[in-house]
């Protein structure tokens, strides 16, 4: 996979998060067992983990599995999340991030694959956040292409529930976003 500027997608996710009203923090999301507050914390944690994966700065942030615990946001999340998203985008602008091996979620993987995973996480969780909070959503086209490519390559009918849910069938004529969301194990027709 070639380099993708994740900045446009991180800005979209940051705008979605900024628009979340406090009373929506306990709303359900398309992610099983995660309320909006937990999804926001997950996005914050994955932003830091993939920032460090891009920098090849290994430690607790790159070695902790994403399902190790249900995350929750702290009081400073409205400042911390956009900062972490900006740092994530900046880290992946370095061509060295896309080469060699790195680690995220305790898994060793090629830099280019980690970049694709970061794009997929941003696109899919952006959709999750938009759906949970009733916001419109139009992901960055380059990040969406990368996310779809990663999920299509990972599409294995035997994959069951891990690391994604079973694929949700979507017509081949559906939008690229709907097809990507279906590959992620979510129903693109879900409403808040």
N, C-alpha and C. Protein backbone atom coordinates (compact mmCIF):
# COMPACT_ATOMS: atom_id res chain seq x y z
N UNK A 1 0.84 -1.18 0.00
CA UNK A 1 0.00 0.00 0.00
C UNK A 1 0.89 1.24 0.00
N UNK A 2 0.46 2.24 -0.72
CA UNK A 2 1.25 3.47 -0.79
C UNK A 2 0.84 4.43 0.33
N UNK A 3 1.67 5.41 0.56
CA UNK A 3 1.43 6.40 1.61
C UNK A 3 0.08 7.10 1.40
N UNK A 4 -0.59 7.35 2.49
CA UNK A 4 -1.84 8.11 2.50
C UNK A 4 -1.70 9.19 3.55
N UNK A 5 -2.07 10.41 3.21
CA UNK A 5 -2.09 11.48 4.21
C UNK A 5 -3.33 11.28 5.07
N UNK A 6 -3.13 10.91 6.31
CA UNK A 6 -4.26 10.66 7.22
C UNK A 6 -4.83 11.95 7.79
N UNK A 7 -4.17 13.08 7.54
CA UNK A 7 -4.62 14.36 8.09
C UNK A 7 -6.05 14.72 7.76
N UNK A 8 -6.49 14.62 6.50
CA UNK A 8 -7.89 14.96 6.22
C UNK A 8 -8.88 14.10 7.03
N UNK A 9 -8.58 12.81 7.20
CA UNK A 9 -9.48 11.94 7.95
C UNK A 9 -9.41 12.24 9.45
N UNK A 10 -8.22 12.53 9.98
CA UNK A 10 -8.15 12.85 11.41
C UNK A 10 -8.90 14.13 11.70
N UNK A 11 -8.88 15.09 10.79
CA UNK A 11 -9.64 16.33 11.00
C UNK A 11 -11.14 16.07 10.98
N UNK A 12 -11.58 15.16 10.12
CA UNK A 12 -13.01 14.80 10.08
C UNK A 12 -13.42 14.18 11.41
N UNK A 13 -12.61 13.25 11.91
CA UNK A 13 -12.92 12.59 13.19
C UNK A 13 -12.90 13.61 14.32
N UNK A 14 -11.94 14.52 14.30
CA UNK A 14 -11.87 15.55 15.34
C UNK A 14 -13.12 16.43 15.32
N UNK A 15 -13.60 16.80 14.13
CA UNK A 15 -14.82 17.61 14.04
C UNK A 15 -16.04 16.86 14.56
N UNK A 16 -16.12 15.56 14.24
CA UNK A 16 -17.22 14.75 14.76
C UNK A 16 -17.19 14.72 16.29
N UNK A 17 -16.00 14.51 16.85
CA UNK A 17 -15.86 14.43 18.31
C UNK A 17 -16.19 15.77 18.96
N UNK A 18 -15.75 16.85 18.34
CA UNK A 18 -16.01 18.18 18.89
C UNK A 18 -17.50 18.47 18.99
N UNK A 19 -18.28 17.92 18.07
CA UNK A 19 -19.72 18.17 18.03
C UNK A 19 -20.52 17.28 18.98
N UNK A 20 -19.86 16.36 19.68
CA UNK A 20 -20.57 15.46 20.59
C UNK A 20 -20.97 16.23 21.84
N UNK A 21 -22.26 16.33 22.07
CA UNK A 21 -22.76 16.98 23.28
C UNK A 21 -22.57 16.05 24.48
N UNK A 22 -22.34 16.63 25.63
CA UNK A 22 -22.11 15.83 26.84
C UNK A 22 -23.22 14.81 27.09
N UNK A 23 -24.46 15.18 26.79
CA UNK A 23 -25.57 14.26 27.05
C UNK A 23 -25.56 13.06 26.10
N UNK A 24 -24.76 13.08 25.04
CA UNK A 24 -24.66 11.96 24.09
C UNK A 24 -23.55 10.98 24.49
N UNK A 25 -22.78 11.30 25.51
CA UNK A 25 -21.64 10.46 25.87
C UNK A 25 -22.04 9.06 26.31
N UNK A 26 -23.25 8.88 26.78
CA UNK A 26 -23.70 7.56 27.22
C UNK A 26 -24.50 6.83 26.16
N UNK A 27 -24.67 7.43 24.98
CA UNK A 27 -25.45 6.80 23.91
C UNK A 27 -24.73 5.55 23.40
N UNK A 28 -25.51 4.60 22.91
CA UNK A 28 -24.97 3.37 22.32
C UNK A 28 -24.30 3.68 20.98
N UNK A 29 -23.36 2.84 20.62
CA UNK A 29 -22.67 2.96 19.33
C UNK A 29 -22.81 1.64 18.57
N UNK A 30 -22.41 1.61 17.31
CA UNK A 30 -22.41 0.33 16.58
C UNK A 30 -21.39 -0.67 17.12
N UNK A 31 -20.48 -0.23 17.98
CA UNK A 31 -19.49 -1.13 18.59
C UNK A 31 -20.12 -1.80 19.80
N UNK A 32 -20.20 -3.12 19.79
CA UNK A 32 -20.79 -3.80 20.95
C UNK A 32 -20.10 -3.41 22.24
N UNK A 33 -20.88 -3.15 23.26
CA UNK A 33 -20.39 -2.86 24.62
C UNK A 33 -19.69 -1.51 24.76
N UNK A 34 -19.75 -0.64 23.73
CA UNK A 34 -19.12 0.67 23.85
C UNK A 34 -20.16 1.78 23.71
N UNK A 35 -20.22 2.63 24.73
CA UNK A 35 -21.00 3.86 24.62
C UNK A 35 -20.12 4.89 23.91
N UNK A 36 -20.67 6.03 23.57
CA UNK A 36 -19.92 7.07 22.87
C UNK A 36 -18.66 7.42 23.65
N UNK A 37 -18.76 7.54 24.97
CA UNK A 37 -17.59 7.91 25.78
C UNK A 37 -16.47 6.87 25.65
N UNK A 38 -16.84 5.59 25.56
CA UNK A 38 -15.85 4.54 25.40
C UNK A 38 -15.26 4.54 23.99
N UNK A 39 -16.09 4.82 22.99
CA UNK A 39 -15.61 4.91 21.62
C UNK A 39 -14.62 6.07 21.47
N UNK A 40 -14.94 7.20 22.07
CA UNK A 40 -14.02 8.35 22.03
C UNK A 40 -12.69 7.99 22.68
N UNK A 41 -12.74 7.28 23.79
CA UNK A 41 -11.50 6.86 24.47
C UNK A 41 -10.73 5.87 23.59
N UNK A 42 -11.45 4.98 22.93
CA UNK A 42 -10.79 4.03 22.03
C UNK A 42 -10.09 4.77 20.89
N UNK A 43 -10.76 5.76 20.33
CA UNK A 43 -10.15 6.55 19.25
C UNK A 43 -8.91 7.28 19.77
N UNK A 44 -8.98 7.82 20.97
CA UNK A 44 -7.82 8.48 21.57
C UNK A 44 -6.66 7.50 21.74
N UNK A 45 -6.95 6.32 22.29
CA UNK A 45 -5.91 5.34 22.54
C UNK A 45 -5.31 4.82 21.23
N UNK A 46 -6.16 4.56 20.22
CA UNK A 46 -5.63 4.05 18.96
C UNK A 46 -4.81 5.13 18.25
N UNK A 47 -5.18 6.39 18.44
CA UNK A 47 -4.41 7.48 17.84
C UNK A 47 -2.99 7.52 18.41
N UNK A 48 -2.89 7.36 19.71
CA UNK A 48 -1.58 7.35 20.36
C UNK A 48 -0.80 6.09 19.95
N UNK A 49 -1.48 4.95 19.92
CA UNK A 49 -0.81 3.70 19.56
C UNK A 49 -0.28 3.74 18.13
N UNK A 50 -1.10 4.23 17.20
CA UNK A 50 -0.65 4.26 15.81
C UNK A 50 0.34 5.40 15.55
N UNK A 51 0.27 6.45 16.33
CA UNK A 51 1.32 7.48 16.27
C UNK A 51 2.66 6.85 16.63
N UNK A 52 2.66 6.11 17.74
CA UNK A 52 3.89 5.48 18.20
C UNK A 52 4.34 4.37 17.25
N UNK A 53 3.39 3.67 16.65
CA UNK A 53 3.74 2.64 15.65
C UNK A 53 4.43 3.28 14.46
N UNK A 54 3.93 4.43 14.02
CA UNK A 54 4.56 5.14 12.89
C UNK A 54 5.97 5.57 13.24
N UNK A 55 6.17 6.01 14.47
CA UNK A 55 7.49 6.46 14.93
C UNK A 55 8.40 5.29 15.30
N UNK A 56 7.80 4.10 15.36
CA UNK A 56 8.50 2.90 15.81
C UNK A 56 9.04 3.10 17.22
N UNK A 57 8.20 3.73 18.02
CA UNK A 57 8.48 4.02 19.42
C UNK A 57 7.69 3.00 20.25
N UNK A 58 8.29 1.83 20.45
CA UNK A 58 7.57 0.70 21.03
C UNK A 58 7.52 0.77 22.55
N UNK A 59 6.42 0.28 23.10
CA UNK A 59 6.21 0.25 24.53
C UNK A 59 4.77 -0.09 24.82
N UNK A 60 4.28 0.38 25.95
CA UNK A 60 2.91 0.05 26.38
C UNK A 60 1.86 0.47 25.35
N UNK A 61 2.07 1.61 24.70
CA UNK A 61 1.05 2.08 23.74
C UNK A 61 0.94 1.18 22.52
N UNK A 62 2.05 0.58 22.10
CA UNK A 62 2.02 -0.28 20.92
C UNK A 62 1.84 -1.75 21.26
N UNK A 63 2.00 -2.10 22.53
CA UNK A 63 1.94 -3.51 22.92
C UNK A 63 0.62 -3.92 23.57
N UNK A 64 -0.24 -2.97 23.88
CA UNK A 64 -1.50 -3.29 24.55
C UNK A 64 -2.57 -3.62 23.51
N UNK A 65 -3.18 -4.77 23.69
CA UNK A 65 -4.26 -5.17 22.77
C UNK A 65 -5.45 -4.23 22.95
N UNK A 66 -6.14 -3.88 21.84
CA UNK A 66 -7.24 -2.94 21.95
C UNK A 66 -8.42 -3.46 22.77
N UNK A 67 -8.53 -4.77 22.92
CA UNK A 67 -9.64 -5.34 23.69
C UNK A 67 -9.22 -5.69 25.12
N UNK A 68 -8.08 -5.15 25.56
CA UNK A 68 -7.59 -5.46 26.91
C UNK A 68 -8.53 -4.96 28.00
N UNK A 69 -9.21 -3.85 27.76
CA UNK A 69 -10.14 -3.28 28.72
C UNK A 69 -11.06 -2.31 27.99
N UNK A 70 -12.24 -2.08 28.55
CA UNK A 70 -13.14 -1.08 27.97
C UNK A 70 -12.61 0.29 28.39
N UNK A 71 -12.18 1.10 27.42
CA UNK A 71 -11.62 2.40 27.77
C UNK A 71 -12.70 3.41 28.15
N UNK A 72 -12.31 4.42 28.87
CA UNK A 72 -13.22 5.51 29.19
C UNK A 72 -12.45 6.82 29.04
N UNK A 73 -13.16 7.86 28.68
CA UNK A 73 -12.52 9.16 28.48
C UNK A 73 -12.23 9.82 29.82
N UNK A 74 -11.19 10.62 29.82
CA UNK A 74 -10.85 11.40 30.99
C UNK A 74 -11.42 12.80 30.85
N UNK A 75 -11.28 13.63 31.87
CA UNK A 75 -11.86 14.96 31.84
C UNK A 75 -11.28 15.88 30.76
N UNK A 76 -10.06 15.62 30.31
CA UNK A 76 -9.44 16.49 29.31
C UNK A 76 -9.55 15.98 27.88
N UNK A 77 -10.49 15.08 27.63
CA UNK A 77 -10.56 14.44 26.31
C UNK A 77 -10.81 15.42 25.17
N UNK A 78 -11.53 16.50 25.43
CA UNK A 78 -11.83 17.44 24.34
C UNK A 78 -10.56 18.14 23.84
N UNK A 79 -9.55 18.24 24.67
CA UNK A 79 -8.26 18.79 24.24
C UNK A 79 -7.32 17.67 23.80
N UNK A 80 -7.33 16.54 24.51
CA UNK A 80 -6.40 15.45 24.24
C UNK A 80 -6.66 14.77 22.91
N UNK A 81 -7.93 14.55 22.56
CA UNK A 81 -8.24 13.80 21.34
C UNK A 81 -7.79 14.52 20.08
N UNK A 82 -8.13 15.80 19.87
CA UNK A 82 -7.66 16.44 18.64
C UNK A 82 -6.13 16.52 18.56
N UNK A 83 -5.48 16.69 19.71
CA UNK A 83 -4.01 16.72 19.73
C UNK A 83 -3.45 15.37 19.29
N UNK A 84 -4.00 14.28 19.83
CA UNK A 84 -3.52 12.94 19.47
C UNK A 84 -3.79 12.64 18.00
N UNK A 85 -4.94 13.09 17.49
CA UNK A 85 -5.25 12.88 16.08
C UNK A 85 -4.27 13.65 15.19
N UNK A 86 -3.94 14.88 15.56
CA UNK A 86 -2.96 15.66 14.79
C UNK A 86 -1.59 14.97 14.81
N UNK A 87 -1.18 14.49 15.97
CA UNK A 87 0.11 13.82 16.10
C UNK A 87 0.14 12.53 15.27
N UNK A 88 -0.97 11.81 15.24
CA UNK A 88 -1.08 10.60 14.43
C UNK A 88 -0.86 10.93 12.96
N UNK A 89 -1.57 11.94 12.47
CA UNK A 89 -1.43 12.33 11.06
C UNK A 89 0.00 12.76 10.76
N UNK A 90 0.59 13.56 11.64
CA UNK A 90 1.97 14.03 11.43
C UNK A 90 2.95 12.86 11.37
N UNK A 91 2.78 11.89 12.26
CA UNK A 91 3.70 10.75 12.31
C UNK A 91 3.66 9.94 11.02
N UNK A 92 2.46 9.79 10.43
CA UNK A 92 2.33 8.99 9.21
C UNK A 92 2.70 9.77 7.96
N UNK A 93 3.02 11.06 8.09
CA UNK A 93 3.52 11.83 6.94
C UNK A 93 5.00 11.54 6.67
N UNK A 94 5.66 10.91 7.60
CA UNK A 94 7.06 10.53 7.44
C UNK A 94 7.11 9.25 6.59
N UNK A 95 7.77 9.29 5.43
CA UNK A 95 7.84 8.08 4.59
C UNK A 95 8.42 6.87 5.32
N UNK A 96 9.27 7.09 6.32
CA UNK A 96 9.85 5.97 7.08
C UNK A 96 8.79 5.19 7.85
N UNK A 97 7.67 5.83 8.18
CA UNK A 97 6.60 5.14 8.90
C UNK A 97 6.04 3.99 8.07
N UNK A 98 6.06 4.15 6.76
CA UNK A 98 5.44 3.19 5.84
C UNK A 98 6.39 2.08 5.43
N UNK A 99 7.62 2.07 5.97
CA UNK A 99 8.60 1.05 5.60
C UNK A 99 8.97 0.24 6.83
N UNK A 100 9.61 -0.89 6.57
CA UNK A 100 10.07 -1.73 7.66
C UNK A 100 8.93 -2.32 8.47
N UNK A 101 9.28 -2.84 9.62
CA UNK A 101 8.29 -3.47 10.51
C UNK A 101 7.97 -2.53 11.66
N UNK A 102 6.76 -2.70 12.19
CA UNK A 102 6.34 -1.93 13.35
C UNK A 102 5.45 -2.82 14.20
N UNK A 103 4.83 -2.21 15.19
CA UNK A 103 3.98 -2.97 16.11
C UNK A 103 2.82 -2.09 16.53
N UNK A 104 1.63 -2.70 16.58
CA UNK A 104 0.43 -2.02 17.10
C UNK A 104 -0.49 -3.09 17.68
N UNK A 105 -1.07 -2.78 18.83
CA UNK A 105 -1.95 -3.75 19.47
C UNK A 105 -1.25 -5.04 19.83
N UNK A 106 0.07 -4.96 20.01
CA UNK A 106 0.84 -6.15 20.36
C UNK A 106 1.15 -7.04 19.17
N UNK A 107 0.83 -6.58 17.95
CA UNK A 107 1.02 -7.38 16.74
C UNK A 107 2.12 -6.74 15.89
N UNK A 108 3.07 -7.56 15.45
CA UNK A 108 4.11 -7.09 14.52
C UNK A 108 3.50 -7.08 13.12
N UNK A 109 3.75 -6.00 12.38
CA UNK A 109 3.24 -5.91 11.02
C UNK A 109 4.07 -4.93 10.21
N UNK A 110 4.04 -5.08 8.87
CA UNK A 110 4.77 -4.13 8.04
C UNK A 110 4.21 -2.71 8.22
N UNK A 111 5.08 -1.71 8.09
CA UNK A 111 4.66 -0.33 8.25
C UNK A 111 3.50 0.04 7.34
N UNK A 112 3.54 -0.40 6.07
CA UNK A 112 2.47 -0.07 5.14
C UNK A 112 1.13 -0.67 5.59
N UNK A 113 1.16 -1.86 6.16
CA UNK A 113 -0.06 -2.48 6.65
C UNK A 113 -0.57 -1.71 7.88
N UNK A 114 0.33 -1.32 8.76
CA UNK A 114 -0.08 -0.53 9.93
C UNK A 114 -0.72 0.79 9.50
N UNK A 115 -0.18 1.42 8.48
CA UNK A 115 -0.78 2.65 7.96
C UNK A 115 -2.18 2.41 7.43
N UNK A 116 -2.38 1.27 6.75
CA UNK A 116 -3.71 0.92 6.24
C UNK A 116 -4.67 0.65 7.39
N UNK A 117 -4.18 -0.01 8.43
CA UNK A 117 -5.01 -0.29 9.60
C UNK A 117 -5.41 1.03 10.28
N UNK A 118 -4.46 1.95 10.39
CA UNK A 118 -4.78 3.26 10.98
C UNK A 118 -5.87 3.96 10.18
N UNK A 119 -5.76 3.92 8.86
CA UNK A 119 -6.80 4.52 8.00
C UNK A 119 -8.14 3.83 8.23
N UNK A 120 -8.13 2.51 8.29
CA UNK A 120 -9.37 1.74 8.51
C UNK A 120 -10.00 2.10 9.85
N UNK A 121 -9.19 2.17 10.89
CA UNK A 121 -9.71 2.51 12.22
C UNK A 121 -10.36 3.90 12.21
N UNK A 122 -9.69 4.85 11.58
CA UNK A 122 -10.21 6.22 11.53
C UNK A 122 -11.51 6.31 10.73
N UNK A 123 -11.56 5.62 9.60
CA UNK A 123 -12.75 5.66 8.75
C UNK A 123 -13.92 4.96 9.44
N UNK A 124 -13.70 3.74 9.91
CA UNK A 124 -14.79 2.96 10.50
C UNK A 124 -15.26 3.58 11.82
N UNK A 125 -14.33 3.99 12.68
CA UNK A 125 -14.76 4.57 13.95
C UNK A 125 -15.33 5.98 13.76
N UNK A 126 -14.92 6.66 12.71
CA UNK A 126 -15.58 7.92 12.36
C UNK A 126 -17.04 7.66 12.03
N UNK A 127 -17.29 6.61 11.26
CA UNK A 127 -18.67 6.22 10.92
C UNK A 127 -19.43 5.85 12.19
N UNK A 128 -18.79 5.05 13.06
CA UNK A 128 -19.43 4.65 14.32
C UNK A 128 -19.86 5.89 15.12
N UNK A 129 -18.95 6.84 15.23
CA UNK A 129 -19.23 8.05 16.02
C UNK A 129 -20.34 8.87 15.38
N UNK A 130 -20.30 9.02 14.07
CA UNK A 130 -21.34 9.78 13.37
C UNK A 130 -22.70 9.11 13.55
N UNK A 131 -22.75 7.79 13.39
CA UNK A 131 -24.02 7.07 13.54
C UNK A 131 -24.56 7.18 14.96
N UNK A 132 -23.68 7.06 15.94
CA UNK A 132 -24.10 7.09 17.34
C UNK A 132 -24.61 8.46 17.77
N UNK A 133 -24.13 9.50 17.10
CA UNK A 133 -24.48 10.86 17.53
C UNK A 133 -25.36 11.60 16.51
N UNK A 134 -25.81 10.88 15.47
CA UNK A 134 -26.73 11.48 14.51
C UNK A 134 -26.10 12.53 13.60
N UNK A 135 -24.80 12.43 13.36
CA UNK A 135 -24.11 13.39 12.50
C UNK A 135 -23.95 12.83 11.09
N UNK A 136 -23.88 13.72 10.12
CA UNK A 136 -23.58 13.28 8.76
C UNK A 136 -22.11 12.92 8.69
N UNK A 137 -21.77 12.08 7.72
CA UNK A 137 -20.39 11.59 7.65
C UNK A 137 -19.98 11.37 6.21
N UNK A 138 -18.90 11.99 5.86
CA UNK A 138 -18.29 11.80 4.55
C UNK A 138 -16.79 11.68 4.79
N UNK A 139 -16.26 10.44 4.78
CA UNK A 139 -14.84 10.27 5.07
C UNK A 139 -13.97 10.81 3.93
N UNK A 140 -12.70 11.01 4.25
CA UNK A 140 -11.73 11.40 3.25
C UNK A 140 -11.62 10.29 2.21
N UNK A 141 -11.69 10.61 0.92
CA UNK A 141 -11.65 9.57 -0.12
C UNK A 141 -10.39 8.70 -0.10
N UNK A 142 -9.23 9.29 0.14
CA UNK A 142 -7.99 8.49 0.15
C UNK A 142 -7.98 7.52 1.34
N UNK A 143 -8.40 7.99 2.51
CA UNK A 143 -8.46 7.12 3.68
C UNK A 143 -9.51 6.02 3.47
N UNK A 144 -10.63 6.37 2.85
CA UNK A 144 -11.68 5.39 2.58
C UNK A 144 -11.16 4.30 1.64
N UNK A 145 -10.45 4.70 0.60
CA UNK A 145 -9.86 3.71 -0.33
C UNK A 145 -8.91 2.78 0.42
N UNK A 146 -8.06 3.35 1.27
CA UNK A 146 -7.11 2.54 2.03
C UNK A 146 -7.85 1.59 2.98
N UNK A 147 -8.87 2.09 3.65
CA UNK A 147 -9.65 1.27 4.58
C UNK A 147 -10.32 0.12 3.84
N UNK A 148 -10.94 0.44 2.70
CA UNK A 148 -11.62 -0.61 1.93
C UNK A 148 -10.61 -1.64 1.44
N UNK A 149 -9.46 -1.18 0.94
CA UNK A 149 -8.44 -2.11 0.47
C UNK A 149 -7.97 -3.04 1.57
N UNK A 150 -7.75 -2.49 2.76
CA UNK A 150 -7.31 -3.33 3.88
C UNK A 150 -8.38 -4.34 4.25
N UNK A 151 -9.63 -3.89 4.40
CA UNK A 151 -10.69 -4.80 4.81
C UNK A 151 -11.00 -5.84 3.74
N UNK A 152 -10.93 -5.45 2.46
CA UNK A 152 -11.18 -6.41 1.38
C UNK A 152 -10.10 -7.48 1.38
N UNK A 153 -8.85 -7.09 1.64
CA UNK A 153 -7.76 -8.06 1.69
C UNK A 153 -7.89 -8.96 2.91
N UNK A 154 -8.48 -8.44 3.99
CA UNK A 154 -8.65 -9.21 5.22
C UNK A 154 -9.93 -10.03 5.20
N UNK A 155 -10.77 -9.85 4.16
CA UNK A 155 -12.06 -10.52 4.10
C UNK A 155 -11.87 -12.02 3.97
N UNK A 156 -12.15 -12.72 5.02
CA UNK A 156 -12.03 -14.16 5.07
C UNK A 156 -13.33 -14.68 5.66
N UNK A 157 -14.13 -15.43 4.88
CA UNK A 157 -15.43 -15.90 5.38
C UNK A 157 -15.34 -16.68 6.69
N UNK A 158 -14.17 -17.25 6.98
CA UNK A 158 -14.06 -18.04 8.20
C UNK A 158 -13.64 -17.21 9.41
N UNK A 159 -13.52 -15.88 9.22
CA UNK A 159 -12.96 -15.07 10.30
C UNK A 159 -13.87 -14.95 11.51
N UNK A 160 -15.16 -15.21 11.35
CA UNK A 160 -16.06 -15.19 12.50
C UNK A 160 -16.13 -13.83 13.15
N UNK A 161 -15.93 -13.80 14.46
CA UNK A 161 -16.11 -12.56 15.22
C UNK A 161 -14.82 -11.82 15.51
N UNK A 162 -13.67 -12.32 15.10
CA UNK A 162 -12.43 -11.64 15.46
C UNK A 162 -11.55 -11.48 14.24
N UNK A 163 -10.87 -10.36 14.07
CA UNK A 163 -10.92 -9.17 14.90
C UNK A 163 -12.11 -8.28 14.60
N UNK A 164 -12.85 -8.61 13.54
CA UNK A 164 -14.05 -7.85 13.19
C UNK A 164 -15.23 -8.81 13.29
N UNK A 165 -16.43 -8.26 13.28
CA UNK A 165 -17.60 -9.13 13.24
C UNK A 165 -17.74 -9.75 11.87
N UNK A 166 -18.64 -10.71 11.72
CA UNK A 166 -18.88 -11.29 10.40
C UNK A 166 -19.26 -10.21 9.39
N UNK A 167 -18.82 -10.38 8.16
CA UNK A 167 -19.13 -9.43 7.10
C UNK A 167 -20.64 -9.29 6.95
N UNK A 168 -21.10 -8.06 6.80
CA UNK A 168 -22.51 -7.80 6.51
C UNK A 168 -22.62 -7.63 4.99
N UNK A 169 -23.45 -8.45 4.37
CA UNK A 169 -23.60 -8.41 2.92
C UNK A 169 -24.15 -7.05 2.48
N UNK A 170 -23.48 -6.47 1.51
CA UNK A 170 -23.87 -5.17 0.96
C UNK A 170 -23.84 -5.33 -0.57
N UNK A 171 -24.83 -4.82 -1.28
CA UNK A 171 -24.82 -4.97 -2.74
C UNK A 171 -23.56 -4.36 -3.36
N UNK A 172 -23.03 -4.97 -4.43
CA UNK A 172 -21.83 -4.44 -5.06
C UNK A 172 -22.04 -3.04 -5.65
N UNK A 173 -23.29 -2.64 -5.82
CA UNK A 173 -23.59 -1.30 -6.34
C UNK A 173 -23.66 -0.25 -5.24
N UNK A 174 -23.52 -0.68 -3.98
CA UNK A 174 -23.56 0.27 -2.85
C UNK A 174 -22.34 1.18 -2.90
N UNK A 175 -22.41 2.28 -2.17
CA UNK A 175 -21.28 3.21 -2.11
C UNK A 175 -20.06 2.52 -1.52
N UNK A 176 -18.89 3.07 -1.80
CA UNK A 176 -17.66 2.51 -1.25
C UNK A 176 -17.69 2.55 0.28
N UNK A 177 -18.26 3.60 0.85
CA UNK A 177 -18.38 3.67 2.31
C UNK A 177 -19.25 2.53 2.83
N UNK A 178 -20.41 2.31 2.24
CA UNK A 178 -21.28 1.22 2.69
C UNK A 178 -20.61 -0.15 2.54
N UNK A 179 -19.90 -0.35 1.44
CA UNK A 179 -19.20 -1.62 1.25
C UNK A 179 -18.10 -1.79 2.30
N UNK A 180 -17.41 -0.71 2.62
CA UNK A 180 -16.35 -0.76 3.63
C UNK A 180 -16.94 -1.06 5.00
N UNK A 181 -18.03 -0.39 5.33
CA UNK A 181 -18.68 -0.61 6.62
C UNK A 181 -19.19 -2.05 6.72
N UNK A 182 -19.75 -2.58 5.63
CA UNK A 182 -20.19 -3.98 5.61
C UNK A 182 -19.03 -4.94 5.85
N UNK A 183 -17.87 -4.67 5.22
CA UNK A 183 -16.69 -5.51 5.43
C UNK A 183 -16.21 -5.46 6.87
N UNK A 184 -16.49 -4.33 7.56
CA UNK A 184 -16.06 -4.20 8.96
C UNK A 184 -16.98 -4.94 9.93
N UNK A 185 -18.05 -5.55 9.39
CA UNK A 185 -18.97 -6.30 10.25
C UNK A 185 -20.11 -5.46 10.79
N UNK A 186 -20.35 -4.29 10.17
CA UNK A 186 -21.41 -3.40 10.62
C UNK A 186 -22.46 -3.30 9.53
N UNK A 187 -23.67 -2.99 9.95
CA UNK A 187 -24.77 -2.78 9.02
C UNK A 187 -24.78 -1.32 8.60
N UNK A 188 -24.48 -1.01 7.32
CA UNK A 188 -24.41 0.38 6.90
C UNK A 188 -25.75 1.11 7.01
N UNK A 189 -26.85 0.37 7.15
CA UNK A 189 -28.17 0.99 7.30
C UNK A 189 -28.52 1.35 8.73
N UNK A 190 -27.62 1.07 9.67
CA UNK A 190 -27.90 1.35 11.09
C UNK A 190 -28.10 2.84 11.31
N UNK A 191 -29.07 3.16 12.12
CA UNK A 191 -29.35 4.55 12.51
C UNK A 191 -29.23 4.65 14.03
N UNK A 192 -29.05 5.90 14.55
CA UNK A 192 -28.91 6.04 16.00
C UNK A 192 -30.17 5.58 16.74
